[in-house]
Amino acid sequence: SDEGAPTGITGVLGFATEIFDAETVQGFADRFVRILAAVAGGGTDIAVGDIPILDAEETEELTPVRGIEGTPPTTLVELLSAAADAEVWPGELPPPPVGVARSPKAKTRPPRSGARRGRR
């Protein structure tokens, strides 16, 4: 308003109906509104990664994706380092335990002297 009081904002989202359905686009709009509310709501100290984009139902649905309960968090670097220490590389499998059969299509190789160890 002319007095400086907030009057709101409106918008229209156009989308290709061959690609998206209305429910999906409404989800995009809802998330965008949550971002705007977090930023415009006076929260200038909020980090981008801390903005609550998902609603409660979406958060609940995705929570199990964070890992198995009781398993300590592991970074990608730690996983890759462990693979390097075990000398397991993409497409290669470690030798199976004694008495376990493996598909003849599985790739294995003899252990190396550690030449790749420590390479980042």
PDB file of N, CA and C in Angstrom:
ATOM      1  N   SER A   1       0.835  -1.184   0.000  1.00  0.00           N
ATOM      2  CA  SER A   1       0.000   0.000   0.000  1.00  0.00           C
ATOM      3  C   SER A   1       0.880   1.248   0.000  1.00  0.00           C
ATOM      4  N   ASP A   2       0.246   2.393  -0.169  1.00  0.00           N
ATOM      5  CA  ASP A   2       0.985   3.654  -0.161  1.00  0.00           C
ATOM      6  C   ASP A   2       1.566   3.962   1.209  1.00  0.00           C
ATOM      7  N   GLU A   3       1.003   3.352   2.242  1.00  0.00           N
ATOM      8  CA  GLU A   3       1.479   3.587   3.603  1.00  0.00           C
ATOM      9  C   GLU A   3       2.624   2.652   3.995  1.00  0.00           C
ATOM     10  N   GLY A   4       2.989   1.739   3.115  1.00  0.00           N
ATOM     11  CA  GLY A   4       4.090   0.836   3.405  1.00  0.00           C
ATOM     12  C   GLY A   4       3.664  -0.508   3.970  1.00  0.00           C
ATOM     13  N   ALA A   5       2.382  -0.733   4.143  1.00  0.00           N
ATOM     14  CA  ALA A   5       1.898  -2.010   4.663  1.00  0.00           C
ATOM     15  C   ALA A   5       1.922  -3.053   3.535  1.00  0.00           C
ATOM     16  N   PRO A   6       2.325  -4.283   3.855  1.00  0.00           N
ATOM     17  CA  PRO A   6       2.361  -5.312   2.815  1.00  0.00           C
ATOM     18  C   PRO A   6       0.958  -5.602   2.285  1.00  0.00           C
ATOM     19  N   THR A   7       0.840  -5.756   0.993  1.00  0.00           N
ATOM     20  CA  THR A   7      -0.452  -6.053   0.377  1.00  0.00           C
ATOM     21  C   THR A   7      -0.460  -7.417  -0.299  1.00  0.00           C
ATOM     22  N   GLY A   8       0.632  -8.140  -0.266  1.00  0.00           N
ATOM     23  CA  GLY A   8       0.688  -9.470  -0.855  1.00  0.00           C
ATOM     24  C   GLY A   8       1.222  -9.448  -2.269  1.00  0.00           C
ATOM     25  N   ILE A   9       1.256 -10.613  -2.851  1.00  0.00           N
ATOM     26  CA  ILE A   9       1.753 -10.760  -4.218  1.00  0.00           C
ATOM     27  C   ILE A   9       0.981 -11.897  -4.868  1.00  0.00           C
ATOM     28  N   THR A  10       0.734 -11.775  -6.133  1.00  0.00           N
ATOM     29  CA  THR A  10       0.074 -12.843  -6.870  1.00  0.00           C
ATOM     30  C   THR A  10       0.954 -13.237  -8.041  1.00  0.00           C
ATOM     31  N   GLY A  11       0.742 -14.429  -8.531  1.00  0.00           N
ATOM     32  CA  GLY A  11       1.523 -14.900  -9.659  1.00  0.00           C
ATOM     33  C   GLY A  11       0.781 -15.995 -10.401  1.00  0.00           C
ATOM     34  N   VAL A  12       1.236 -16.276 -11.585  1.00  0.00           N
ATOM     35  CA  VAL A  12       0.658 -17.321 -12.423  1.00  0.00           C
ATOM     36  C   VAL A  12       1.800 -18.204 -12.903  1.00  0.00           C
ATOM     37  N   LEU A  13       1.580 -19.492 -12.859  1.00  0.00           N
ATOM     38  CA  LEU A  13       2.576 -20.449 -13.321  1.00  0.00           C
ATOM     39  C   LEU A  13       2.037 -21.113 -14.580  1.00  0.00           C
ATOM     40  N   GLY A  14       2.705 -20.910 -15.689  1.00  0.00           N
ATOM     41  CA  GLY A  14       2.331 -21.591 -16.919  1.00  0.00           C
ATOM     42  C   GLY A  14       3.160 -22.851 -17.069  1.00  0.00           C
ATOM     43  N   PHE A  15       2.563 -23.909 -17.629  1.00  0.00           N
ATOM     44  CA  PHE A  15       3.308 -25.157 -17.773  1.00  0.00           C
ATOM     45  C   PHE A  15       2.770 -25.963 -18.943  1.00  0.00           C
ATOM     46  N   ALA A  16       3.596 -26.836 -19.464  1.00  0.00           N
ATOM     47  CA  ALA A  16       3.211 -27.710 -20.579  1.00  0.00           C
ATOM     48  C   ALA A  16       2.454 -28.905 -20.027  1.00  0.00           C
ATOM     49  N   THR A  17       1.175 -29.002 -20.372  1.00  0.00           N
ATOM     50  CA  THR A  17       0.346 -30.094 -19.858  1.00  0.00           C
ATOM     51  C   THR A  17       0.764 -31.448 -20.419  1.00  0.00           C
ATOM     52  N   GLU A  18       1.558 -31.461 -21.494  1.00  0.00           N
ATOM     53  CA  GLU A  18       2.062 -32.729 -22.025  1.00  0.00           C
ATOM     54  C   GLU A  18       3.151 -33.303 -21.124  1.00  0.00           C
ATOM     55  N   ILE A  19       3.756 -32.435 -20.321  1.00  0.00           N
ATOM     56  CA  ILE A  19       4.873 -32.860 -19.472  1.00  0.00           C
ATOM     57  C   ILE A  19       4.458 -32.971 -18.010  1.00  0.00           C
ATOM     58  N   PHE A  20       3.732 -31.990 -17.508  1.00  0.00           N
ATOM     59  CA  PHE A  20       3.361 -31.937 -16.092  1.00  0.00           C
ATOM     60  C   PHE A  20       1.855 -31.998 -15.912  1.00  0.00           C
ATOM     61  N   ASP A  21       1.434 -32.575 -14.791  1.00  0.00           N
ATOM     62  CA  ASP A  21       0.024 -32.488 -14.436  1.00  0.00           C
ATOM     63  C   ASP A  21      -0.141 -31.361 -13.414  1.00  0.00           C
ATOM     64  N   ALA A  22      -1.377 -30.956 -13.197  1.00  0.00           N
ATOM     65  CA  ALA A  22      -1.653 -29.817 -12.313  1.00  0.00           C
ATOM     66  C   ALA A  22      -1.166 -30.065 -10.887  1.00  0.00           C
ATOM     67  N   GLU A  23      -1.262 -31.293 -10.406  1.00  0.00           N
ATOM     68  CA  GLU A  23      -0.835 -31.612  -9.039  1.00  0.00           C
ATOM     69  C   GLU A  23       0.676 -31.406  -8.866  1.00  0.00           C
ATOM     70  N   THR A  24       1.442 -31.804  -9.852  1.00  0.00           N
ATOM     71  CA  THR A  24       2.899 -31.624  -9.796  1.00  0.00           C
ATOM     72  C   THR A  24       3.261 -30.148  -9.779  1.00  0.00           C
ATOM     73  N   VAL A  25       2.641 -29.383 -10.648  1.00  0.00           N
ATOM     74  CA  VAL A  25       2.929 -27.952 -10.721  1.00  0.00           C
ATOM     75  C   VAL A  25       2.473 -27.256  -9.442  1.00  0.00           C
ATOM     76  N   GLN A  26       1.362 -27.697  -8.864  1.00  0.00           N
ATOM     77  CA  GLN A  26       0.926 -27.125  -7.590  1.00  0.00           C
ATOM     78  C   GLN A  26       1.971 -27.392  -6.512  1.00  0.00           C
ATOM     79  N   GLY A  27       2.596 -28.563  -6.548  1.00  0.00           N
ATOM     80  CA  GLY A  27       3.682 -28.868  -5.613  1.00  0.00           C
ATOM     81  C   GLY A  27       4.860 -27.926  -5.797  1.00  0.00           C
ATOM     82  N   PHE A  28       5.209 -27.636  -7.065  1.00  0.00           N
ATOM     83  CA  PHE A  28       6.278 -26.665  -7.334  1.00  0.00           C
ATOM     84  C   PHE A  28       5.927 -25.305  -6.741  1.00  0.00           C
ATOM     85  N   ALA A  29       4.680 -24.884  -6.966  1.00  0.00           N
ATOM     86  CA  ALA A  29       4.236 -23.580  -6.466  1.00  0.00           C
ATOM     87  C   ALA A  29       4.259 -23.542  -4.943  1.00  0.00           C
ATOM     88  N   ASP A  30       3.801 -24.613  -4.307  1.00  0.00           N
ATOM     89  CA  ASP A  30       3.803 -24.664  -2.837  1.00  0.00           C
ATOM     90  C   ASP A  30       5.220 -24.560  -2.285  1.00  0.00           C
ATOM     91  N   ARG A  31       6.148 -25.249  -2.904  1.00  0.00           N
ATOM     92  CA  ARG A  31       7.543 -25.185  -2.448  1.00  0.00           C
ATOM     93  C   ARG A  31       8.126 -23.791  -2.661  1.00  0.00           C
ATOM     94  N   PHE A  32       7.800 -23.178  -3.784  1.00  0.00           N
ATOM     95  CA  PHE A  32       8.272 -21.823  -4.052  1.00  0.00           C
ATOM     96  C   PHE A  32       7.734 -20.844  -3.010  1.00  0.00           C
ATOM     97  N   VAL A  33       6.469 -20.994  -2.644  1.00  0.00           N
ATOM     98  CA  VAL A  33       5.866 -20.132  -1.616  1.00  0.00           C
ATOM     99  C   VAL A  33       6.573 -20.336  -0.276  1.00  0.00           C
ATOM    100  N   ARG A  34       6.916 -21.573   0.061  1.00  0.00           N
ATOM    101  CA  ARG A  34       7.637 -21.825   1.323  1.00  0.00           C
ATOM    102  C   ARG A  34       9.013 -21.154   1.303  1.00  0.00           C
ATOM    103  N   ILE A  35       9.683 -21.179   0.160  1.00  0.00           N
ATOM    104  CA  ILE A  35      10.989 -20.509   0.044  1.00  0.00           C
ATOM    105  C   ILE A  35      10.815 -19.004   0.223  1.00  0.00           C
ATOM    106  N   LEU A  36       9.842 -18.442  -0.466  1.00  0.00           N
ATOM    107  CA  LEU A  36       9.592 -17.003  -0.337  1.00  0.00           C
ATOM    108  C   LEU A  36       9.254 -16.624   1.095  1.00  0.00           C
ATOM    109  N   ALA A  37       8.424 -17.435   1.748  1.00  0.00           N
ATOM    110  CA  ALA A  37       8.047 -17.143   3.138  1.00  0.00           C
ATOM    111  C   ALA A  37       9.262 -17.167   4.051  1.00  0.00           C
ATOM    112  N   ALA A  38      10.170 -18.106   3.827  1.00  0.00           N
ATOM    113  CA  ALA A  38      11.368 -18.196   4.670  1.00  0.00           C
ATOM    114  C   ALA A  38      12.293 -17.013   4.448  1.00  0.00           C
ATOM    115  N   VAL A  39      12.418 -16.568   3.208  1.00  0.00           N
ATOM    116  CA  VAL A  39      13.333 -15.480   2.885  1.00  0.00           C
ATOM    117  C   VAL A  39      12.708 -14.119   3.174  1.00  0.00           C
ATOM    118  N   ALA A  40      11.464 -13.930   2.755  1.00  0.00           N
ATOM    119  CA  ALA A  40      10.808 -12.629   2.909  1.00  0.00           C
ATOM    120  C   ALA A  40      10.212 -12.436   4.293  1.00  0.00           C
ATOM    121  N   GLY A  41      10.138 -13.484   5.064  1.00  0.00           N
ATOM    122  CA  GLY A  41       9.534 -13.395   6.388  1.00  0.00           C
ATOM    123  C   GLY A  41      10.463 -12.802   7.433  1.00  0.00           C
ATOM    124  N   GLY A  42      11.481 -12.107   7.013  1.00  0.00           N
ATOM    125  CA  GLY A  42      12.390 -11.476   7.961  1.00  0.00           C
ATOM    126  C   GLY A  42      13.520 -12.377   8.397  1.00  0.00           C
ATOM    127  N   GLY A  43      13.581 -13.591   7.851  1.00  0.00           N
ATOM    128  CA  GLY A  43      14.628 -14.530   8.233  1.00  0.00           C
ATOM    129  C   GLY A  43      15.883 -14.331   7.417  1.00  0.00           C
ATOM    130  N   THR A  44      16.543 -13.214   7.590  1.00  0.00           N
ATOM    131  CA  THR A  44      17.738 -12.929   6.799  1.00  0.00           C
ATOM    132  C   THR A  44      18.931 -13.778   7.225  1.00  0.00           C
ATOM    133  N   ASP A  45      18.844 -14.405   8.372  1.00  0.00           N
ATOM    134  CA  ASP A  45      19.965 -15.211   8.857  1.00  0.00           C
ATOM    135  C   ASP A  45      19.859 -16.674   8.458  1.00  0.00           C
ATOM    136  N   ILE A  46      18.817 -17.041   7.712  1.00  0.00           N
ATOM    137  CA  ILE A  46      18.639 -18.452   7.360  1.00  0.00           C
ATOM    138  C   ILE A  46      19.530 -18.825   6.177  1.00  0.00           C
ATOM    139  N   ALA A  47      20.202 -19.954   6.312  1.00  0.00           N
ATOM    140  CA  ALA A  47      21.040 -20.460   5.210  1.00  0.00           C
ATOM    141  C   ALA A  47      20.136 -21.105   4.168  1.00  0.00           C
ATOM    142  N   VAL A  48      20.534 -21.039   2.919  1.00  0.00           N
ATOM    143  CA  VAL A  48      19.720 -21.585   1.835  1.00  0.00           C
ATOM    144  C   VAL A  48      19.389 -23.054   2.102  1.00  0.00           C
ATOM    145  N   GLY A  49      20.351 -23.811   2.558  1.00  0.00           N
ATOM    146  CA  GLY A  49      20.127 -25.231   2.814  1.00  0.00           C
ATOM    147  C   GLY A  49      19.210 -25.519   3.977  1.00  0.00           C
ATOM    148  N   ASP A  50      18.926 -24.520   4.801  1.00  0.00           N
ATOM    149  CA  ASP A  50      18.045 -24.705   5.954  1.00  0.00           C
ATOM    150  C   ASP A  50      16.607 -24.286   5.684  1.00  0.00           C
ATOM    151  N   ILE A  51      16.322 -23.796   4.499  1.00  0.00           N
ATOM    152  CA  ILE A  51      14.954 -23.383   4.172  1.00  0.00           C
ATOM    153  C   ILE A  51      14.091 -24.634   4.078  1.00  0.00           C
ATOM    154  N   PRO A  52      12.995 -24.675   4.817  1.00  0.00           N
ATOM    155  CA  PRO A  52      12.120 -25.857   4.794  1.00  0.00           C
ATOM    156  C   PRO A  52      11.284 -25.892   3.514  1.00  0.00           C
ATOM    157  N   ILE A  53      11.779 -26.546   2.503  1.00  0.00           N
ATOM    158  CA  ILE A  53      11.095 -26.585   1.205  1.00  0.00           C
ATOM    159  C   ILE A  53       9.957 -27.606   1.202  1.00  0.00           C
ATOM    160  N   LEU A  54      10.156 -28.742   1.837  1.00  0.00           N
ATOM    161  CA  LEU A  54       9.150 -29.801   1.834  1.00  0.00           C
ATOM    162  C   LEU A  54       8.108 -29.576   2.922  1.00  0.00           C
ATOM    163  N   ASP A  55       6.895 -30.060   2.682  1.00  0.00           N
ATOM    164  CA  ASP A  55       5.881 -30.000   3.733  1.00  0.00           C
ATOM    165  C   ASP A  55       6.089 -31.182   4.684  1.00  0.00           C
ATOM    166  N   ALA A  56       5.311 -31.251   5.739  1.00  0.00           N
ATOM    167  CA  ALA A  56       5.496 -32.285   6.766  1.00  0.00           C
ATOM    168  C   ALA A  56       5.345 -33.692   6.189  1.00  0.00           C
ATOM    169  N   GLU A  57       4.377 -33.880   5.301  1.00  0.00           N
ATOM    170  CA  GLU A  57       4.144 -35.200   4.712  1.00  0.00           C
ATOM    171  C   GLU A  57       5.317 -35.635   3.837  1.00  0.00           C
ATOM    172  N   GLU A  58       5.844 -34.719   3.030  1.00  0.00           N
ATOM    173  CA  GLU A  58       6.989 -35.031   2.172  1.00  0.00           C
ATOM    174  C   GLU A  58       8.218 -35.340   3.011  1.00  0.00           C
ATOM    175  N   THR A  59       8.422 -34.565   4.061  1.00  0.00           N
ATOM    176  CA  THR A  59       9.561 -34.798   4.945  1.00  0.00           C
ATOM    177  C   THR A  59       9.468 -36.174   5.587  1.00  0.00           C
ATOM    178  N   GLU A  60       8.284 -36.537   6.056  1.00  0.00           N
ATOM    179  CA  GLU A  60       8.078 -37.848   6.682  1.00  0.00           C
ATOM    180  C   GLU A  60       8.339 -38.968   5.683  1.00  0.00           C
ATOM    181  N   GLU A  61       7.897 -38.773   4.456  1.00  0.00           N
ATOM    182  CA  GLU A  61       8.083 -39.782   3.418  1.00  0.00           C
ATOM    183  C   GLU A  61       9.560 -39.977   3.078  1.00  0.00           C
ATOM    184  N   LEU A  62      10.338 -38.901   3.095  1.00  0.00           N
ATOM    185  CA  LEU A  62      11.744 -38.978   2.702  1.00  0.00           C
ATOM    186  C   LEU A  62      12.697 -39.272   3.856  1.00  0.00           C
ATOM    187  N   THR A  63      12.234 -39.194   5.077  1.00  0.00           N
ATOM    188  CA  THR A  63      13.106 -39.391   6.229  1.00  0.00           C
ATOM    189  C   THR A  63      13.849 -40.729   6.190  1.00  0.00           C
ATOM    190  N   PRO A  64      13.200 -41.851   5.856  1.00  0.00           N
ATOM    191  CA  PRO A  64      13.952 -43.112   5.828  1.00  0.00           C
ATOM    192  C   PRO A  64      15.093 -43.124   4.824  1.00  0.00           C
ATOM    193  N   VAL A  65      15.085 -42.243   3.839  1.00  0.00           N
ATOM    194  CA  VAL A  65      16.143 -42.199   2.840  1.00  0.00           C
ATOM    195  C   VAL A  65      17.465 -41.764   3.456  1.00  0.00           C
ATOM    196  N   ARG A  66      17.413 -41.192   4.627  1.00  0.00           N
ATOM    197  CA  ARG A  66      18.621 -40.675   5.264  1.00  0.00           C
ATOM    198  C   ARG A  66      19.553 -41.772   5.765  1.00  0.00           C
ATOM    199  N   GLY A  67      19.102 -42.978   5.796  1.00  0.00           N
ATOM    200  CA  GLY A  67      19.974 -44.064   6.217  1.00  0.00           C
ATOM    201  C   GLY A  67      19.281 -45.016   7.166  1.00  0.00           C
ATOM    202  N   ILE A  68      19.961 -46.087   7.463  1.00  0.00           N
ATOM    203  CA  ILE A  68      19.424 -47.106   8.353  1.00  0.00           C
ATOM    204  C   ILE A  68      19.643 -46.664   9.792  1.00  0.00           C
ATOM    205  N   GLU A  69      18.590 -46.786  10.586  1.00  0.00           N
ATOM    206  CA  GLU A  69      18.686 -46.382  11.985  1.00  0.00           C
ATOM    207  C   GLU A  69      19.767 -47.198  12.695  1.00  0.00           C
ATOM    208  N   GLY A  70      20.588 -46.524  13.466  1.00  0.00           N
ATOM    209  CA  GLY A  70      21.663 -47.178  14.196  1.00  0.00           C
ATOM    210  C   GLY A  70      22.969 -47.228  13.417  1.00  0.00           C
ATOM    211  N   THR A  71      22.938 -46.862  12.153  1.00  0.00           N
ATOM    212  CA  THR A  71      24.153 -46.830  11.344  1.00  0.00           C
ATOM    213  C   THR A  71      24.725 -45.424  11.388  1.00  0.00           C
ATOM    214  N   PRO A  72      25.985 -45.285  11.751  1.00  0.00           N
ATOM    215  CA  PRO A  72      26.554 -43.935  11.824  1.00  0.00           C
ATOM    216  C   PRO A  72      26.617 -43.289  10.444  1.00  0.00           C
ATOM    217  N   PRO A  73      26.461 -41.977  10.383  1.00  0.00           N
ATOM    218  CA  PRO A  73      26.562 -41.295   9.091  1.00  0.00           C
ATOM    219  C   PRO A  73      27.943 -41.490   8.475  1.00  0.00           C
ATOM    220  N   THR A  74      27.971 -41.639   7.158  1.00  0.00           N
ATOM    221  CA  THR A  74      29.216 -41.831   6.431  1.00  0.00           C
ATOM    222  C   THR A  74      29.225 -40.887   5.235  1.00  0.00           C
ATOM    223  N   THR A  75      30.341 -40.242   5.008  1.00  0.00           N
ATOM    224  CA  THR A  75      30.443 -39.350   3.867  1.00  0.00           C
ATOM    225  C   THR A  75      30.866 -40.134   2.634  1.00  0.00           C
ATOM    226  N   LEU A  76      30.665 -39.554   1.475  1.00  0.00           N
ATOM    227  CA  LEU A  76      31.086 -40.189   0.233  1.00  0.00           C
ATOM    228  C   LEU A  76      32.596 -40.389   0.221  1.00  0.00           C
ATOM    229  N   VAL A  77      33.325 -39.433   0.754  1.00  0.00           N
ATOM    230  CA  VAL A  77      34.784 -39.554   0.807  1.00  0.00           C
ATOM    231  C   VAL A  77      35.180 -40.774   1.638  1.00  0.00           C
ATOM    232  N   GLU A  78      34.504 -40.970   2.769  1.00  0.00           N
ATOM    233  CA  GLU A  78      34.810 -42.131   3.612  1.00  0.00           C
ATOM    234  C   GLU A  78      34.503 -43.442   2.888  1.00  0.00           C
ATOM    235  N   LEU A  79      33.380 -43.484   2.161  1.00  0.00           N
ATOM    236  CA  LEU A  79      33.036 -44.691   1.410  1.00  0.00           C
ATOM    237  C   LEU A  79      34.067 -44.988   0.326  1.00  0.00           C
ATOM    238  N   LEU A  80      34.461 -43.931  -0.405  1.00  0.00           N
ATOM    239  CA  LEU A  80      35.453 -44.128  -1.468  1.00  0.00           C
ATOM    240  C   LEU A  80      36.812 -44.513  -0.895  1.00  0.00           C
ATOM    241  N   SER A  81      37.178 -43.934   0.242  1.00  0.00           N
ATOM    242  CA  SER A  81      38.448 -44.297   0.884  1.00  0.00           C
ATOM    243  C   SER A  81      38.433 -45.755   1.319  1.00  0.00           C
ATOM    244  N   ALA A  82      37.299 -46.192   1.867  1.00  0.00           N
ATOM    245  CA  ALA A  82      37.185 -47.593   2.280  1.00  0.00           C
ATOM    246  C   ALA A  82      37.284 -48.512   1.070  1.00  0.00           C
ATOM    247  N   ALA A  83      36.679 -48.111  -0.044  1.00  0.00           N
ATOM    248  CA  ALA A  83      36.770 -48.916  -1.267  1.00  0.00           C
ATOM    249  C   ALA A  83      38.207 -48.956  -1.773  1.00  0.00           C
ATOM    250  N   ALA A  84      38.898 -47.826  -1.684  1.00  0.00           N
ATOM    251  CA  ALA A  84      40.295 -47.781  -2.121  1.00  0.00           C
ATOM    252  C   ALA A  84      41.159 -48.663  -1.232  1.00  0.00           C
ATOM    253  N   ASP A  85      40.907 -48.627   0.067  1.00  0.00           N
ATOM    254  CA  ASP A  85      41.678 -49.473   0.981  1.00  0.00           C
ATOM    255  C   ASP A  85      41.431 -50.946   0.705  1.00  0.00           C
ATOM    256  N   ALA A  86      40.202 -51.271   0.307  1.00  0.00           N
ATOM    257  CA  ALA A  86      39.871 -52.659  -0.011  1.00  0.00           C
ATOM    258  C   ALA A  86      40.224 -52.985  -1.459  1.00  0.00           C
ATOM    259  N   GLU A  87      40.726 -51.974  -2.193  1.00  0.00           N
ATOM    260  CA  GLU A  87      41.078 -52.101  -3.594  1.00  0.00           C
ATOM    261  C   GLU A  87      39.903 -52.589  -4.425  1.00  0.00           C
ATOM    262  N   VAL A  88      38.712 -52.068  -4.128  1.00  0.00           N
ATOM    263  CA  VAL A  88      37.513 -52.358  -4.908  1.00  0.00           C
ATOM    264  C   VAL A  88      37.232 -51.122  -5.736  1.00  0.00           C
ATOM    265  N   TRP A  89      37.098 -51.304  -7.029  1.00  0.00           N
ATOM    266  CA  TRP A  89      36.873 -50.181  -7.933  1.00  0.00           C
ATOM    267  C   TRP A  89      35.570 -50.395  -8.671  1.00  0.00           C
ATOM    268  N   PRO A  90      34.999 -49.348  -9.223  1.00  0.00           N
ATOM    269  CA  PRO A  90      33.721 -49.492  -9.933  1.00  0.00           C
ATOM    270  C   PRO A  90      33.767 -50.617 -10.961  1.00  0.00           C
ATOM    271  N   GLY A  91      32.748 -51.463 -10.925  1.00  0.00           N
ATOM    272  CA  GLY A  91      32.683 -52.574 -11.861  1.00  0.00           C
ATOM    273  C   GLY A  91      33.436 -53.803 -11.402  1.00  0.00           C
ATOM    274  N   GLU A  92      34.138 -53.715 -10.289  1.00  0.00           N
ATOM    275  CA  GLU A  92      34.902 -54.848  -9.789  1.00  0.00           C
ATOM    276  C   GLU A  92      34.331 -55.264  -8.442  1.00  0.00           C
ATOM    277  N   LEU A  93      34.395 -56.527  -8.163  1.00  0.00           N
ATOM    278  CA  LEU A  93      33.896 -57.050  -6.900  1.00  0.00           C
ATOM    279  C   LEU A  93      35.027 -57.708  -6.136  1.00  0.00           C
ATOM    280  N   PRO A  94      34.990 -57.619  -4.815  1.00  0.00           N
ATOM    281  CA  PRO A  94      36.004 -58.329  -4.040  1.00  0.00           C
ATOM    282  C   PRO A  94      35.779 -59.833  -4.156  1.00  0.00           C
ATOM    283  N   PRO A  95      36.771 -60.635  -3.837  1.00  0.00           N
ATOM    284  CA  PRO A  95      36.579 -62.084  -3.908  1.00  0.00           C
ATOM    285  C   PRO A  95      35.443 -62.500  -2.978  1.00  0.00           C
ATOM    286  N   PRO A  96      34.634 -63.479  -3.390  1.00  0.00           N
ATOM    287  CA  PRO A  96      33.528 -63.920  -2.533  1.00  0.00           C
ATOM    288  C   PRO A  96      34.058 -64.717  -1.349  1.00  0.00           C
ATOM    289  N   PRO A  97      33.270 -64.799  -0.272  1.00  0.00           N
ATOM    290  CA  PRO A  97      33.672 -65.645   0.852  1.00  0.00           C
ATOM    291  C   PRO A  97      33.821 -67.093   0.388  1.00  0.00           C
ATOM    292  N   VAL A  98      34.630 -67.858   1.102  1.00  0.00           N
ATOM    293  CA  VAL A  98      34.871 -69.258   0.753  1.00  0.00           C
ATOM    294  C   VAL A  98      33.537 -69.997   0.723  1.00  0.00           C
ATOM    295  N   GLY A  99      33.322 -70.768  -0.349  1.00  0.00           N
ATOM    296  CA  GLY A  99      32.107 -71.562  -0.467  1.00  0.00           C
ATOM    297  C   GLY A  99      30.941 -70.820  -1.094  1.00  0.00           C
ATOM    298  N   VAL A 100      31.122 -69.550  -1.488  1.00  0.00           N
ATOM    299  CA  VAL A 100      30.046 -68.781  -2.111  1.00  0.00           C
ATOM    300  C   VAL A 100      30.316 -68.694  -3.599  1.00  0.00           C
ATOM    301  N   ALA A 101      29.311 -69.061  -4.381  1.00  0.00           N
ATOM    302  CA  ALA A 101      29.456 -69.022  -5.835  1.00  0.00           C
ATOM    303  C   ALA A 101      29.170 -67.618  -6.347  1.00  0.00           C
ATOM    304  N   ARG A 102      29.799 -67.254  -7.434  1.00  0.00           N
ATOM    305  CA  ARG A 102      29.569 -65.949  -8.054  1.00  0.00           C
ATOM    306  C   ARG A 102      29.273 -66.159  -9.531  1.00  0.00           C
ATOM    307  N   SER A 103      28.471 -65.273 -10.078  1.00  0.00           N
ATOM    308  CA  SER A 103      28.147 -65.323 -11.494  1.00  0.00           C
ATOM    309  C   SER A 103      29.434 -65.220 -12.306  1.00  0.00           C
ATOM    310  N   PRO A 104      29.534 -65.978 -13.394  1.00  0.00           N
ATOM    311  CA  PRO A 104      30.742 -65.882 -14.222  1.00  0.00           C
ATOM    312  C   PRO A 104      30.884 -64.510 -14.888  1.00  0.00           C
ATOM    313  N   LYS A 105      29.822 -63.712 -14.915  1.00  0.00           N
ATOM    314  CA  LYS A 105      29.889 -62.386 -15.514  1.00  0.00           C
ATOM    315  C   LYS A 105      30.469 -61.344 -14.556  1.00  0.00           C
ATOM    316  N   ALA A 106      30.589 -61.679 -13.255  1.00  0.00           N
ATOM    317  CA  ALA A 106      31.116 -60.722 -12.279  1.00  0.00           C
ATOM    318  C   ALA A 106      32.594 -60.478 -12.541  1.00  0.00           C
ATOM    319  N   LYS A 107      33.028 -59.239 -12.401  1.00  0.00           N
ATOM    320  CA  LYS A 107      34.426 -58.880 -12.642  1.00  0.00           C
ATOM    321  C   LYS A 107      35.213 -58.953 -11.336  1.00  0.00           C
ATOM    322  N   THR A 108      36.330 -59.627 -11.393  1.00  0.00           N
ATOM    323  CA  THR A 108      37.238 -59.656 -10.242  1.00  0.00           C
ATOM    324  C   THR A 108      38.646 -59.463 -10.782  1.00  0.00           C
ATOM    325  N   ARG A 109      39.532 -59.133  -9.924  1.00  0.00           N
ATOM    326  CA  ARG A 109      40.931 -59.002 -10.304  1.00  0.00           C
ATOM    327  C   ARG A 109      41.774 -59.317  -9.087  1.00  0.00           C
ATOM    328  N   PRO A 110      43.008 -59.718  -9.293  1.00  0.00           N
ATOM    329  CA  PRO A 110      43.868 -59.984  -8.144  1.00  0.00           C
ATOM    330  C   PRO A 110      44.213 -58.673  -7.441  1.00  0.00           C
ATOM    331  N   PRO A 111      44.497 -58.727  -6.142  1.00  0.00           N
ATOM    332  CA  PRO A 111      44.871 -57.512  -5.413  1.00  0.00           C
ATOM    333  C   PRO A 111      46.108 -56.867  -6.012  1.00  0.00           C
ATOM    334  N   ARG A 112      46.147 -55.559  -5.963  1.00  0.00           N
ATOM    335  CA  ARG A 112      47.305 -54.816  -6.447  1.00  0.00           C
ATOM    336  C   ARG A 112      48.232 -54.503  -5.290  1.00  0.00           C
ATOM    337  N   SER A 113      49.367 -53.976  -5.630  1.00  0.00           N
ATOM    338  CA  SER A 113      50.352 -53.687  -4.605  1.00  0.00           C
ATOM    339  C   SER A 113      50.026 -52.416  -3.839  1.00  0.00           C
ATOM    340  N   GLY A 114      48.913 -51.774  -4.148  1.00  0.00           N
ATOM    341  CA  GLY A 114      48.563 -50.540  -3.464  1.00  0.00           C
ATOM    342  C   GLY A 114      48.934 -49.307  -4.252  1.00  0.00           C
ATOM    343  N   ALA A 115      49.231 -49.479  -5.561  1.00  0.00           N
ATOM    344  CA  ALA A 115      49.649 -48.357  -6.387  1.00  0.00           C
ATOM    345  C   ALA A 115      48.591 -47.269  -6.447  1.00  0.00           C
ATOM    346  N   ARG A 116      47.326 -47.687  -6.420  1.00  0.00           N
ATOM    347  CA  ARG A 116      46.243 -46.694  -6.487  1.00  0.00           C
ATOM    348  C   ARG A 116      45.868 -46.162  -5.105  1.00  0.00           C
ATOM    349  N   ARG A 117      46.312 -46.832  -4.108  1.00  0.00           N
ATOM    350  CA  ARG A 117      45.935 -46.441  -2.750  1.00  0.00           C
ATOM    351  C   ARG A 117      46.366 -44.999  -2.480  1.00  0.00           C
ATOM    352  N   GLY A 118      45.482 -44.249  -1.928  1.00  0.00           N
ATOM    353  CA  GLY A 118      45.803 -42.885  -1.560  1.00  0.00           C
ATOM    354  C   GLY A 118      45.595 -41.882  -2.676  1.00  0.00           C
ATOM    355  N   ARG A 119      45.320 -42.366  -3.904  1.00  0.00           N
ATOM    356  CA  ARG A 119      45.048 -41.420  -4.994  1.00  0.00           C
ATOM    357  C   ARG A 119      43.685 -40.812  -4.812  1.00  0.00           C
ATOM    358  N   ARG A 120      43.585 -39.536  -4.953  1.00  0.00           N
ATOM    359  CA  ARG A 120      42.295 -38.845  -4.780  1.00  0.00           C
ATOM    360  C   ARG A 120      41.997 -38.061  -6.032  1.00  0.00           C
TER     361      ARG A 120
END
